[in-house]
C-alpha atoms as a PDB file:
ATOM      1  CA  MET A   1      -0.276 -32.997  21.057  1.00  0.00           C
ATOM      2  CA  SER A   2      -3.061 -31.257  22.960  1.00  0.00           C
ATOM      3  CA  PRO A   3      -6.252 -30.058  21.252  1.00  0.00           C
ATOM      4  CA  ARG A   4      -6.364 -26.405  20.237  1.00  0.00           C
ATOM      5  CA  LEU A   5      -9.085 -23.831  20.647  1.00  0.00           C
ATOM      6  CA  LYS A   6     -10.596 -22.358  17.533  1.00  0.00           C
ATOM      7  CA  ALA A   7      -8.729 -19.186  16.565  1.00  0.00           C
ATOM      8  CA  GLU A   8     -11.728 -16.905  17.086  1.00  0.00           C
ATOM      9  CA  ILE A   9     -12.326 -18.234  20.615  1.00  0.00           C
ATOM     10  CA  TRP A  10      -8.631 -17.886  21.514  1.00  0.00           C
ATOM     11  CA  VAL A  11      -8.581 -14.274  20.241  1.00  0.00           C
ATOM     12  CA  LYS A  12     -11.728 -13.369  22.189  1.00  0.00           C
ATOM     13  CA  ALA A  13     -10.245 -14.890  25.355  1.00  0.00           C
ATOM     14  CA  HIS A  14      -6.970 -12.986  24.940  1.00  0.00           C
ATOM     15  CA  ILE A  15      -8.835  -9.729  24.325  1.00  0.00           C
ATOM     16  CA  ARG A  16     -10.764 -10.350  27.525  1.00  0.00           C
ATOM     17  CA  THR A  17      -7.515 -10.973  29.440  1.00  0.00           C
ATOM     18  CA  CYS A  18      -5.999  -7.708  28.193  1.00  0.00           C
ATOM     19  CA  SER A  19      -9.212  -5.797  28.861  1.00  0.00           C
ATOM     20  CA  PHE A  20      -9.334  -7.190  32.403  1.00  0.00           C
ATOM     21  CA  MET A  21      -5.837  -5.719  32.905  1.00  0.00           C
ATOM     22  CA  ASN A  22      -7.185  -2.408  31.497  1.00  0.00           C
ATOM     23  CA  VAL A  23      -4.858  -2.590  28.480  1.00  0.00           C
ATOM     24  CA  PRO A  24      -6.173  -1.645  25.021  1.00  0.00           C
ATOM     25  CA  VAL A  25      -6.160  -4.468  22.477  1.00  0.00           C
ATOM     26  CA  PHE A  26      -7.524  -4.475  18.939  1.00  0.00           C
ATOM     27  CA  VAL A  27      -8.182  -6.997  16.200  1.00  0.00           C
ATOM     28  CA  VAL A  28      -6.196  -5.453  13.348  1.00  0.00           C
ATOM     29  CA  ARG A  29      -6.920  -8.292  10.952  1.00  0.00           C
ATOM     30  CA  ARG A  30      -9.519 -11.020  11.206  1.00  0.00           C
ATOM     31  CA  GLY A  31      -8.422 -14.419   9.948  1.00  0.00           C
ATOM     32  CA  ASP A  32     -10.065 -17.802   9.627  1.00  0.00           C
ATOM     33  CA  ASP A  33     -12.435 -18.459  12.550  1.00  0.00           C
ATOM     34  CA  THR A  34     -11.360 -22.043  13.026  1.00  0.00           C
ATOM     35  CA  ALA A  35      -7.714 -22.525  12.148  1.00  0.00           C
ATOM     36  CA  GLY A  36      -6.190 -19.112  11.509  1.00  0.00           C
ATOM     37  CA  THR A  37      -2.774 -18.422  13.005  1.00  0.00           C
ATOM     38  CA  VAL A  38      -2.679 -15.478  15.433  1.00  0.00           C
ATOM     39  CA  LEU A  39       0.122 -12.908  15.345  1.00  0.00           C
ATOM     40  CA  ILE A  40       0.451 -10.536  18.284  1.00  0.00           C
ATOM     41  CA  LYS A  41       1.802  -7.054  17.636  1.00  0.00           C
ATOM     42  CA  ILE A  42       2.883  -5.326  20.844  1.00  0.00           C
ATOM     43  CA  ASN A  43       2.934  -1.517  20.709  1.00  0.00           C
ATOM     44  CA  ARG A  44       4.899   0.169  23.515  1.00  0.00           C
ATOM     45  CA  LEU A  45       3.439   3.565  22.483  1.00  0.00           C
ATOM     46  CA  ASN A  46       6.910   4.998  21.801  1.00  0.00           C
ATOM     47  CA  ASN A  47       7.384   3.733  18.233  1.00  0.00           C
ATOM     48  CA  LYS A  48       8.791   0.448  19.586  1.00  0.00           C
ATOM     49  CA  PHE A  49       7.090  -2.772  18.540  1.00  0.00           C
ATOM     50  CA  ARG A  50       7.467  -6.528  18.700  1.00  0.00           C
ATOM     51  CA  VAL A  51       5.634  -9.270  16.829  1.00  0.00           C
ATOM     52  CA  LEU A  52       5.029 -12.665  18.422  1.00  0.00           C
ATOM     53  CA  THR A  53       4.115 -15.739  16.407  1.00  0.00           C
ATOM     54  CA  PRO A  54       3.017 -19.125  17.755  1.00  0.00           C
ATOM     55  CA  THR A  55       5.203 -22.171  17.399  1.00  0.00           C
ATOM     56  CA  THR A  56       5.322 -25.637  18.910  1.00  0.00           C
ATOM     57  CA  ASP A  57       7.504 -26.470  21.895  1.00  0.00           C
ATOM     58  CA  PHE A  58       8.820 -29.832  20.739  1.00  0.00           C
ATOM     59  CA  GLU A  59       9.820 -30.842  24.273  1.00  0.00           C
ATOM     60  CA  THR A  60       6.298 -30.564  25.678  1.00  0.00           C
ATOM     61  CA  GLY A  61       4.166 -30.545  22.531  1.00  0.00           C
ATOM     62  CA  GLY A  62       2.520 -27.341  23.750  1.00  0.00           C
ATOM     63  CA  ARG A  63       2.403 -23.898  22.271  1.00  0.00           C
ATOM     64  CA  GLN A  64       5.113 -21.312  22.753  1.00  0.00           C
ATOM     65  CA  TRP A  65       5.595 -17.916  21.163  1.00  0.00           C
ATOM     66  CA  LEU A  66       8.547 -16.783  19.060  1.00  0.00           C
ATOM     67  CA  GLN A  67       9.745 -13.182  19.037  1.00  0.00           C
ATOM     68  CA  ALA A  68       9.395 -12.991  15.262  1.00  0.00           C
ATOM     69  CA  THR A  69      10.978  -9.547  14.913  1.00  0.00           C
ATOM     70  CA  GLY A  70      13.903 -10.440  17.186  1.00  0.00           C
ATOM     71  CA  THR A  71      14.799  -9.758  20.789  1.00  0.00           C
ATOM     72  CA  ASP A  72      15.102  -5.981  20.321  1.00  0.00           C
ATOM     73  CA  TRP A  73      12.106  -3.678  19.956  1.00  0.00           C
ATOM     74  CA  VAL A  74      11.697  -2.472  16.363  1.00  0.00           C
ATOM     75  CA  GLU A  75      10.005   0.395  14.534  1.00  0.00           C
ATOM     76  CA  GLU A  76       6.438  -0.095  13.345  1.00  0.00           C
ATOM     77  CA  GLU A  77       7.482  -0.289   9.698  1.00  0.00           C
ATOM     78  CA  ILE A  78       9.619  -3.365  10.417  1.00  0.00           C
ATOM     79  CA  ALA A  79       6.831  -5.022  12.421  1.00  0.00           C
ATOM     80  CA  ASP A  80       4.263  -4.311   9.703  1.00  0.00           C
ATOM     81  CA  THR A  81       6.588  -5.590   6.971  1.00  0.00           C
ATOM     82  CA  TYR A  82       6.956  -8.879   8.826  1.00  0.00           C
ATOM     83  CA  ILE A  83       3.176  -9.163   9.262  1.00  0.00           C
ATOM     84  CA  GLU A  84       2.458  -8.383   5.597  1.00  0.00           C
ATOM     85  CA  LYS A  85       4.997 -10.996   4.500  1.00  0.00           C
ATOM     86  CA  GLN A  86       3.276 -13.625   6.657  1.00  0.00           C
ATOM     87  CA  ILE A  87      -0.132 -12.648   5.259  1.00  0.00           C
ATOM     88  CA  SER A  88       1.218 -13.092   1.711  1.00  0.00           C
ATOM     89  CA  PHE A  89       1.971 -16.748   2.635  1.00  0.00           C
ATOM     90  CA  ASP A  90      -1.225 -17.369   4.634  1.00  0.00           C
ATOM     91  CA  CYS A  91      -4.372 -15.303   4.091  1.00  0.00           C
ATOM     92  CA  ASP A  92      -6.069 -16.854   7.180  1.00  0.00           C
ATOM     93  CA  ILE A  93      -3.850 -15.026   9.705  1.00  0.00           C
ATOM     94  CA  TRP A  94      -5.298 -13.003  12.586  1.00  0.00           C
ATOM     95  CA  VAL A  95      -3.406  -9.947  13.875  1.00  0.00           C
ATOM     96  CA  ILE A  96      -4.108  -8.453  17.271  1.00  0.00           C
ATOM     97  CA  GLU A  97      -2.355  -5.345  18.572  1.00  0.00           C
ATOM     98  CA  ILE A  98      -1.762  -4.776  22.264  1.00  0.00           C
ATOM     99  CA  GLU A  99      -0.995  -1.197  23.334  1.00  0.00           C
ATOM    100  CA  ASP A 100       1.046  -1.367  26.522  1.00  0.00           C
ATOM    101  CA  ALA A 101       3.866   1.001  27.484  1.00  0.00           C
ATOM    102  CA  GLU A 102       5.466  -1.818  29.501  1.00  0.00           C
ATOM    103  CA  GLY A 103       5.446  -4.166  26.503  1.00  0.00           C
ATOM    104  CA  ARG A 104       3.430  -6.900  28.197  1.00  0.00           C
ATOM    105  CA  HIS A 105       1.814  -9.625  26.096  1.00  0.00           C
ATOM    106  CA  PHE A 106      -0.358 -11.341  28.761  1.00  0.00           C
ATOM    107  CA  LEU A 107       0.347 -14.807  27.346  1.00  0.00           C
ATOM    108  CA  GLN A 108       0.440 -17.813  29.628  1.00  0.00           C
ATOM    109  CA  ASP A 109       2.685 -19.721  27.231  1.00  0.00           C
ATOM    110  CA  LYS A 110       6.476 -19.385  27.104  1.00  0.00           C
ATOM    111  CA  VAL A 111       7.950 -16.675  24.842  1.00  0.00           C
ATOM    112  CA  VAL A 112      11.298 -17.534  23.226  1.00  0.00           C
ATOM    113  CA  ALA A 113      13.848 -15.591  21.179  1.00  0.00           C
END
């Protein structure tokens, strides 16, 4: 298994990537600086959302992202309910929200259903 960046550094790098693409991104919830899990909430600006959560690709040992709210875009209430449920299990979670009408996430890792 490859070493991981601290959560805060990873979040700052992803914010920089989105900003470079001129796409608004916000830290909605700050988690643990070192080991907090990061959830990505994608806002298509038309009341359609998706939440991505990191998981391990057991074939490569690397990180991949799971479409936690399913393959279809959902309403914000459904996305927020999922996020709140995860926070109730783990108070160290980070949440970043990307506002992109095209629904891009700007991740280099694989995203799976």
